[in-house]
């Protein structure tokens, strides 16, 4: 097995799309046998995912990454453990011990056929806990929208710049699901870097500081449509702890690499339990009031 880590001077580089180096670890019998640092040879989700695929990397450990990156990596067959920070070597050791917990920055789980174990039953925790304004780093399932290459699928004065914006998000019935105003701190992100859902990013791309806009996003520019293949059933006897679960609970499972991912229990009978790994916002139309507070050059 090969594990790659976004790398910068011994530590985990926090922005996947901008990493200049990866440290690649060769693992045998759950132990690191060798490692090397390689250049990224370019930027952008597609280029970086392709590089990792060419290196036969199985797992990526990184800080933040967006929905476009998730899509590109999933297509390349690379599992992701996101939200990691600190010393790269220590993170790999922790991963191999099953102690490195993903923050849920990636939910493209294509390897849930075996190796399940039931994690801590944290009631009400889904992969889109939206504490950071629907950044794709904490919201999985967002569509790449054609922007999986080295450049975003849109242009604007703010693309590539660090932006700070206040926002309020509501469903079509007017129910608020998130607000930076309530937290008293604007959201900071790099416009066009894939850190935000596509529609939010596009709305900010050409805004002026001080401007406020209202946008309505269809699922394709938000968290995508539900994926039927992300709904799966497991024999209760094969999943220790699942006998205590009930329909409606949101819990963590572990895939075959030991990476935890959140799911919702949708059905359960005497022998089988069915989970849904789709993002909780998949298929929903979203409305945002966005106010651009500041643009930091460079």
Protein backbone atom coordinates (compact mmCIF):
# COMPACT_ATOMS: atom_id res chain seq x y z
CA UNK A 1 0.00 0.00 0.00
CA UNK A 2 1.11 3.56 -0.66
CA UNK A 3 0.12 6.59 1.43
CA UNK A 4 0.68 10.14 0.19
CA UNK A 5 0.67 13.22 2.42
CA UNK A 6 0.47 16.85 1.30
CA UNK A 7 3.88 17.95 2.49
CA UNK A 8 5.69 21.10 3.58
CA UNK A 9 8.89 21.02 5.63
CA UNK A 10 7.91 17.97 7.68
CA UNK A 11 4.31 18.97 8.22
CA UNK A 12 0.99 18.35 6.48
CA UNK A 13 0.34 21.14 3.97
CA UNK A 14 -3.20 22.36 4.53
CA UNK A 15 -4.42 23.11 0.98
CA UNK A 16 -4.50 20.07 -1.30
CA UNK A 17 -4.97 22.06 -4.51
CA UNK A 18 -1.89 24.18 -3.83
CA UNK A 19 0.55 21.65 -2.43
CA UNK A 20 3.97 21.73 -4.09
CA UNK A 21 5.11 18.40 -2.64
CA UNK A 22 3.82 15.04 -1.50
CA UNK A 23 5.60 12.65 0.81
CA UNK A 24 4.84 9.13 -0.36
CA UNK A 25 5.14 6.21 2.06
CA UNK A 26 5.47 2.57 1.03
CA UNK A 27 3.66 0.39 3.56
CA UNK A 28 4.00 -3.36 4.06
CA UNK A 29 2.37 -5.37 6.85
CA UNK A 30 0.99 -2.11 8.23
CA UNK A 31 4.49 -0.65 8.65
CA UNK A 32 6.32 2.05 6.70
CA UNK A 33 9.24 0.49 4.84
CA UNK A 34 10.32 3.51 2.78
CA UNK A 35 9.34 7.06 1.88
CA UNK A 36 10.23 9.77 -0.61
CA UNK A 37 9.26 13.38 -1.28
CA UNK A 38 8.03 14.13 -4.79
CA UNK A 39 7.08 17.40 -6.51
CA UNK A 40 3.48 18.04 -7.42
CA UNK A 41 4.38 19.06 -10.99
CA UNK A 42 1.49 21.46 -11.26
CA UNK A 43 -1.65 22.51 -9.46
CA UNK A 44 -5.33 21.71 -9.75
CA UNK A 45 -7.49 18.83 -8.69
CA UNK A 46 -7.22 16.83 -11.89
CA UNK A 47 -3.45 17.21 -12.21
CA UNK A 48 -2.77 16.30 -8.59
CA UNK A 49 -5.20 13.37 -8.56
CA UNK A 50 -3.63 12.10 -11.76
CA UNK A 51 -0.17 12.36 -10.25
CA UNK A 52 -1.23 10.30 -7.22
CA UNK A 53 -2.86 7.71 -9.47
CA UNK A 54 0.34 7.47 -11.53
CA UNK A 55 2.25 6.85 -8.31
CA UNK A 56 -0.21 4.04 -7.43
CA UNK A 57 -1.18 5.85 -4.23
CA UNK A 58 -3.99 4.18 -2.27
CA UNK A 59 -4.58 6.75 0.48
CA UNK A 60 -4.16 10.53 0.69
CA UNK A 61 -3.74 12.27 4.04
CA UNK A 62 -4.28 16.02 3.78
CA UNK A 63 -5.70 19.13 5.41
CA UNK A 64 -8.56 20.75 3.51
CA UNK A 65 -9.86 19.91 0.07
CA UNK A 66 -12.92 20.78 -1.94
CA UNK A 67 -15.67 18.93 -3.71
CA UNK A 68 -13.88 19.04 -7.05
CA UNK A 69 -10.83 17.45 -5.45
CA UNK A 70 -12.99 14.78 -3.86
CA UNK A 71 -14.49 13.94 -7.22
CA UNK A 72 -11.13 13.80 -8.99
CA UNK A 73 -9.55 11.67 -6.27
CA UNK A 74 -12.52 9.31 -6.17
CA UNK A 75 -12.28 8.86 -9.93
CA UNK A 76 -8.57 8.12 -9.49
CA UNK A 77 -9.38 5.48 -6.86
CA UNK A 78 -7.62 7.32 -4.02
CA UNK A 79 -9.10 7.13 -0.53
CA UNK A 80 -8.93 10.39 1.45
CA UNK A 81 -8.34 11.11 5.12
CA UNK A 82 -8.86 14.86 5.35
CA UNK A 83 -8.62 17.43 8.11
CA UNK A 84 -5.23 16.20 9.32
CA UNK A 85 -2.53 18.57 10.55
CA UNK A 86 0.87 18.58 12.21
CA UNK A 87 3.80 16.23 11.63
CA UNK A 88 3.42 14.14 8.45
CA UNK A 89 5.30 11.07 9.73
CA UNK A 90 3.28 11.01 12.94
CA UNK A 91 0.03 11.32 10.99
CA UNK A 92 0.91 8.27 8.89
CA UNK A 93 1.79 6.26 11.99
CA UNK A 94 -1.51 7.31 13.58
CA UNK A 95 -3.37 6.32 10.41
CA UNK A 96 -1.78 2.87 10.41
CA UNK A 97 -2.78 2.43 14.06
CA UNK A 98 -6.35 3.44 13.25
CA UNK A 99 -5.98 6.54 15.41
CA UNK A 100 -6.17 9.21 12.71
CA UNK A 101 -9.75 10.46 12.53
CA UNK A 102 -10.94 12.17 9.39
CA UNK A 103 -13.01 15.28 10.03
CA UNK A 104 -15.44 14.19 7.35
CA UNK A 105 -13.92 16.39 4.70
CA UNK A 106 -14.36 13.60 2.25
CA UNK A 107 -17.33 11.29 1.89
CA UNK A 108 -16.72 9.68 -1.46
CA UNK A 109 -16.64 6.17 -0.03
CA UNK A 110 -16.31 3.58 -2.74
CA UNK A 111 -14.94 0.80 -0.56
CA UNK A 112 -17.69 0.09 1.91
CA UNK A 113 -18.17 -3.49 0.78
CA UNK A 114 -16.12 -4.96 3.59
CA UNK A 115 -14.18 -4.07 6.69
CA UNK A 116 -17.01 -2.20 8.39
CA UNK A 117 -16.99 -1.47 12.05
CA UNK A 118 -19.43 0.70 13.88
CA UNK A 119 -17.92 3.84 15.38
CA UNK A 120 -18.96 6.11 18.18
CA UNK A 121 -22.66 6.82 17.92
CA UNK A 122 -22.57 10.57 17.86
CA UNK A 123 -26.19 11.52 17.60
CA UNK A 124 -26.89 14.20 15.07
CA UNK A 125 -23.46 14.37 13.49
CA UNK A 126 -23.52 14.28 9.73
CA UNK A 127 -20.69 14.91 7.31
CA UNK A 128 -22.05 18.34 6.55
CA UNK A 129 -22.10 19.98 9.94
CA UNK A 130 -21.76 23.33 8.15
CA UNK A 131 -19.76 25.01 10.87
CA UNK A 132 -17.61 26.69 8.27
CA UNK A 133 -20.11 28.01 5.79
CA UNK A 134 -20.53 25.08 3.49
CA UNK A 135 -16.95 24.84 2.47
CA UNK A 136 -16.47 21.76 0.40
CA UNK A 137 -13.84 20.80 2.92
CA UNK A 138 -16.60 19.97 5.33
CA UNK A 139 -19.30 19.33 2.80
CA UNK A 140 -18.99 16.26 0.67
CA UNK A 141 -20.94 15.34 -2.39
CA UNK A 142 -20.63 18.72 -4.07
CA UNK A 143 -20.41 18.48 -7.81
CA UNK A 144 -17.23 19.40 -9.59
CA UNK A 145 -19.21 21.38 -12.12
CA UNK A 146 -16.59 20.97 -14.79
CA UNK A 147 -13.90 22.58 -12.66
CA UNK A 148 -11.80 19.52 -11.85
CA UNK A 149 -8.87 20.63 -13.97
CA UNK A 150 -6.13 23.07 -13.16
CA UNK A 151 -8.46 26.06 -13.56
CA UNK A 152 -11.93 26.76 -12.21
CA UNK A 153 -14.89 26.57 -14.57
CA UNK A 154 -15.58 30.30 -14.16
CA UNK A 155 -13.75 33.61 -14.11
CA UNK A 156 -14.01 36.80 -12.10
CA UNK A 157 -12.01 39.49 -10.36
CA UNK A 158 -11.84 37.50 -7.12
CA UNK A 159 -10.85 34.09 -8.50
CA UNK A 160 -7.61 32.95 -6.89
CA UNK A 161 -7.86 35.54 -4.10
CA UNK A 162 -8.58 35.02 -0.43
CA UNK A 163 -12.06 36.34 0.29
CA UNK A 164 -13.88 36.99 3.53
CA UNK A 165 -17.66 36.88 3.32
CA UNK A 166 -20.68 36.81 5.59
CA UNK A 167 -23.59 34.64 4.54
CA UNK A 168 -26.94 33.29 5.63
CA UNK A 169 -28.21 30.00 4.21
CA UNK A 170 -31.88 29.00 4.01
CA UNK A 171 -34.03 26.29 2.48
CA UNK A 172 -36.87 27.18 0.12
CA UNK A 173 -39.34 27.26 3.00
CA UNK A 174 -37.30 30.00 4.67
CA UNK A 175 -35.76 27.78 7.36
CA UNK A 176 -32.21 28.88 8.17
CA UNK A 177 -29.62 26.09 8.20
CA UNK A 178 -26.49 28.16 8.75
CA UNK A 179 -25.28 31.73 9.24
CA UNK A 180 -21.85 33.29 9.69
CA UNK A 181 -23.61 36.32 11.19
CA UNK A 182 -24.71 34.17 14.10
CA UNK A 183 -21.09 33.19 14.73
CA UNK A 184 -19.91 36.80 14.44
CA UNK A 185 -17.05 35.92 12.09
CA UNK A 186 -16.99 36.03 8.29
CA UNK A 187 -15.97 32.93 6.37
CA UNK A 188 -12.50 33.03 4.78
CA UNK A 189 -11.73 31.00 1.64
CA UNK A 190 -9.86 31.15 -1.66
CA UNK A 191 -12.35 31.85 -4.42
CA UNK A 192 -12.22 29.29 -7.21
CA UNK A 193 -9.95 26.90 -5.30
CA UNK A 194 -12.71 24.35 -4.72
CA UNK A 195 -13.00 25.10 -1.02
CA UNK A 196 -16.64 26.13 -1.45
CA UNK A 197 -19.61 24.55 -3.13
CA UNK A 198 -19.67 25.58 -6.77
CA UNK A 199 -22.62 27.98 -6.69
CA UNK A 200 -21.28 29.88 -3.69
CA UNK A 201 -17.87 30.21 -5.34
CA UNK A 202 -19.36 31.45 -8.61
CA UNK A 203 -21.49 34.03 -6.82
CA UNK A 204 -18.46 35.57 -5.10
CA UNK A 205 -16.20 35.43 -8.16
CA UNK A 206 -17.10 38.88 -9.49
CA UNK A 207 -18.56 40.63 -6.43
CA UNK A 208 -17.27 43.95 -5.11
CA UNK A 209 -16.32 44.49 -1.48
CA UNK A 210 -19.38 45.69 0.40
CA UNK A 211 -21.78 44.18 -2.13
CA UNK A 212 -24.50 41.75 -0.99
CA UNK A 213 -26.27 39.30 -3.29
CA UNK A 214 -29.02 36.72 -3.01
CA UNK A 215 -28.48 33.43 -4.86
CA UNK A 216 -30.63 30.36 -5.36
CA UNK A 217 -28.67 27.15 -5.97
CA UNK A 218 -29.98 23.98 -7.54
CA UNK A 219 -28.47 20.75 -6.16
CA UNK A 220 -26.04 20.50 -9.08
CA UNK A 221 -24.27 23.65 -7.86
CA UNK A 222 -24.61 22.76 -4.18
CA UNK A 223 -24.17 19.25 -2.77
CA UNK A 224 -25.23 17.26 -5.81
CA UNK A 225 -27.99 14.71 -6.16
CA UNK A 226 -28.21 11.64 -3.92
CA UNK A 227 -26.19 8.70 -5.18
CA UNK A 228 -28.18 5.43 -4.99
CA UNK A 229 -24.93 3.44 -4.68
CA UNK A 230 -24.20 5.23 -1.40
CA UNK A 231 -27.13 3.41 0.20
CA UNK A 232 -26.03 -0.05 1.32
CA UNK A 233 -27.05 -2.86 3.66
CA UNK A 234 -24.94 -4.91 6.07
CA UNK A 235 -25.76 -8.00 8.09
CA UNK A 236 -26.19 -6.98 11.72
CA UNK A 237 -24.19 -10.04 12.78
CA UNK A 238 -21.24 -8.76 10.74
CA UNK A 239 -21.26 -5.29 12.29
CA UNK A 240 -20.54 -5.25 16.04
CA UNK A 241 -22.54 -2.57 17.81
CA UNK A 242 -25.16 -2.23 15.09
CA UNK A 243 -27.74 -4.18 17.09
CA UNK A 244 -28.09 -1.10 19.30
CA UNK A 245 -28.74 1.30 16.44
CA UNK A 246 -32.11 2.66 15.38
CA UNK A 247 -33.45 4.16 12.16
CA UNK A 248 -32.72 7.87 11.98
CA UNK A 249 -29.44 7.74 13.93
CA UNK A 250 -26.32 9.23 12.40
CA UNK A 251 -23.17 7.28 13.22
CA UNK A 252 -19.67 6.53 11.97
CA UNK A 253 -18.56 3.40 10.13
CA UNK A 254 -15.01 2.52 9.15
CA UNK A 255 -14.07 1.47 5.65
CA UNK A 256 -11.49 -1.20 4.80
CA UNK A 257 -8.66 1.27 5.34
CA UNK A 258 -9.88 2.08 8.85
CA UNK A 259 -11.07 5.56 7.81
CA UNK A 260 -14.26 6.66 9.59
CA UNK A 261 -17.13 8.14 7.63
CA UNK A 262 -20.58 9.30 8.75
CA UNK A 263 -23.77 7.57 7.65
CA UNK A 264 -27.44 7.62 8.56
CA UNK A 265 -29.39 4.52 9.54
CA UNK A 266 -32.37 4.40 7.17
CA UNK A 267 -33.77 0.95 7.82
CA UNK A 268 -33.28 -2.01 10.12
CA UNK A 269 -34.88 -5.43 10.56
CA UNK A 270 -33.92 -8.53 12.52
CA UNK A 271 -31.03 -9.46 10.23
CA UNK A 272 -30.04 -6.45 8.12
CA UNK A 273 -29.31 -2.77 8.67
CA UNK A 274 -29.29 -0.21 5.85
CA UNK A 275 -27.14 2.94 5.82
CA UNK A 276 -27.11 6.05 3.65
CA UNK A 277 -23.70 7.69 3.12
CA UNK A 278 -25.04 10.54 0.98
CA UNK A 279 -24.42 14.07 2.16
CA UNK A 280 -27.34 15.25 4.27
CA UNK A 281 -27.83 18.24 1.92
CA UNK A 282 -27.73 16.18 -1.29
CA UNK A 283 -30.67 16.88 -3.55
CA UNK A 284 -31.65 20.10 -1.78
CA UNK A 285 -32.07 23.54 -3.31
CA UNK A 286 -30.28 26.15 -1.20
CA UNK A 287 -30.55 29.92 -0.87
CA UNK A 288 -27.72 32.19 0.26
CA UNK A 289 -27.48 35.83 1.18
CA UNK A 290 -23.79 36.62 0.62
CA UNK A 291 -22.00 39.80 1.66
CA UNK A 292 -18.40 40.23 0.53
CA UNK A 293 -16.53 41.79 3.44
CA UNK A 294 -12.91 41.81 2.26
CA UNK A 295 -10.63 40.58 -0.51
CA UNK A 296 -6.99 39.90 0.33
CA UNK A 297 -4.70 40.21 -2.68
CA UNK A 298 -2.45 37.30 -3.55
